[in-house]
Amino acid sequence: MCTMICHSAPISGNGKGREGWFPLLHANVSYDHPFSLPDDHTLNIDFVNGDRGPSARVAVELSVEAARSLVATIQAVLAEAESGGYLDEDEKLAV
């Protein structure tokens, strides 16, 4: 059964596709059926730039355990960067 759980967030970054690097504008995050993994449901992230068409997309499918581990790792890296004084004031507010 499809969950229909999907959220979108504006982002600023770059992704690498078949034609090289391109700017990313949104991340679409869903919990639903994967296309590739054999799991029933996965956390799916599509990093996209809709202005550049359907090929400007980087897709990721993660198990629940992998998704939780990734979130914890991202938080740990940002906390370490902040405590080390590597984030500027604007970046600290966003963490």
Protein backbone atom coordinates (compact mmCIF):
# COMPACT_ATOMS: atom_id res chain seq x y z
CA MET A 1 0.00 0.00 0.00
CA CYS A 2 1.34 3.45 -0.91
CA THR A 3 1.85 5.82 2.02
CA MET A 4 1.65 9.03 -0.02
CA ILE A 5 4.04 10.61 2.54
CA CYS A 6 6.13 13.21 0.74
CA HIS A 7 7.68 16.52 1.79
CA SER A 8 9.70 18.99 -0.24
CA ALA A 9 12.38 21.38 1.00
CA PRO A 10 14.21 24.15 -0.84
CA ILE A 11 17.94 23.50 -0.79
CA SER A 12 21.14 25.05 -2.08
CA GLY A 13 23.77 22.66 -3.32
CA ASN A 14 25.07 20.74 -6.32
CA GLY A 15 24.49 17.21 -7.58
CA LYS A 16 26.32 15.11 -10.13
CA GLY A 17 24.41 13.40 -12.92
CA ARG A 18 25.26 11.82 -16.25
CA GLU A 19 26.10 15.20 -17.75
CA GLY A 20 28.20 16.45 -14.83
CA TRP A 21 27.49 18.77 -11.93
CA PHE A 22 24.31 20.86 -11.74
CA PRO A 23 22.74 23.12 -9.08
CA LEU A 24 20.09 21.58 -6.80
CA LEU A 25 16.99 23.57 -5.86
CA HIS A 26 14.79 21.10 -3.95
CA ALA A 27 14.94 17.86 -2.02
CA ASN A 28 11.82 15.71 -2.15
CA VAL A 29 11.72 13.27 0.76
CA SER A 30 9.21 10.43 0.87
CA TYR A 31 8.51 7.22 2.74
CA ASP A 32 7.04 4.86 0.18
CA HIS A 33 7.76 1.95 -2.14
CA PRO A 34 11.30 1.92 -3.55
CA PHE A 35 12.12 1.35 -7.20
CA SER A 36 15.37 -0.53 -6.60
CA LEU A 37 15.74 -1.85 -3.03
CA PRO A 38 13.87 -5.09 -2.22
CA ASP A 39 12.26 -3.53 0.91
CA ASP A 40 8.50 -2.89 1.12
CA HIS A 41 9.06 0.78 2.03
CA THR A 42 12.13 3.02 2.15
CA LEU A 43 13.04 6.61 2.84
CA ASN A 44 13.51 8.12 -0.62
CA ILE A 45 15.29 11.37 -1.37
CA ASP A 46 15.23 13.04 -4.76
CA PHE A 47 17.59 15.97 -5.10
CA VAL A 48 16.26 17.94 -8.08
CA ASN A 49 16.49 21.01 -10.26
CA GLY A 50 13.13 21.15 -12.04
CA ASP A 51 14.33 24.03 -14.21
CA ARG A 52 16.75 21.65 -15.96
CA GLY A 53 14.26 18.86 -16.71
CA PRO A 54 13.94 15.27 -15.48
CA SER A 55 17.62 14.38 -15.97
CA ALA A 56 18.68 16.95 -13.33
CA ARG A 57 17.93 14.54 -10.48
CA VAL A 58 19.89 12.50 -7.98
CA ALA A 59 17.79 9.76 -6.35
CA VAL A 60 18.56 7.86 -3.13
CA GLU A 61 16.64 4.99 -1.48
CA LEU A 62 17.56 4.16 2.12
CA SER A 63 16.43 1.56 4.61
CA VAL A 64 14.93 3.04 7.78
CA GLU A 65 18.08 2.10 9.72
CA ALA A 66 20.34 3.72 7.13
CA ALA A 67 18.20 6.87 7.05
CA ARG A 68 18.32 7.24 10.84
CA SER A 69 22.08 6.65 10.84
CA LEU A 70 22.56 9.25 8.11
CA VAL A 71 20.49 11.86 10.02
CA ALA A 72 22.53 11.23 13.20
CA THR A 73 25.81 11.45 11.28
CA ILE A 74 24.82 14.72 9.58
CA GLN A 75 23.84 16.20 12.96
CA ALA A 76 27.14 15.06 14.51
CA VAL A 77 29.23 16.58 11.71
CA LEU A 78 27.37 19.91 11.88
CA ALA A 79 27.70 20.01 15.68
CA GLU A 80 31.43 19.38 15.41
CA ALA A 81 31.80 22.06 12.71
CA GLU A 82 29.87 24.52 14.88
CA SER A 83 31.84 23.77 18.05
CA GLY A 84 35.08 24.12 16.06
CA GLY A 85 34.07 27.58 14.91
CA TYR A 86 33.81 26.63 11.24
CA LEU A 87 30.20 27.81 10.72
CA ASP A 88 29.52 31.49 10.17
CA GLU A 89 26.73 33.20 12.14
CA ASP A 90 24.05 32.64 9.45
CA GLU A 91 24.90 28.94 9.26
CA LYS A 92 24.70 28.56 13.05
CA LEU A 93 21.12 29.84 13.04
CA ALA A 94 20.13 27.24 10.46
CA VAL A 95 21.50 24.22 12.39
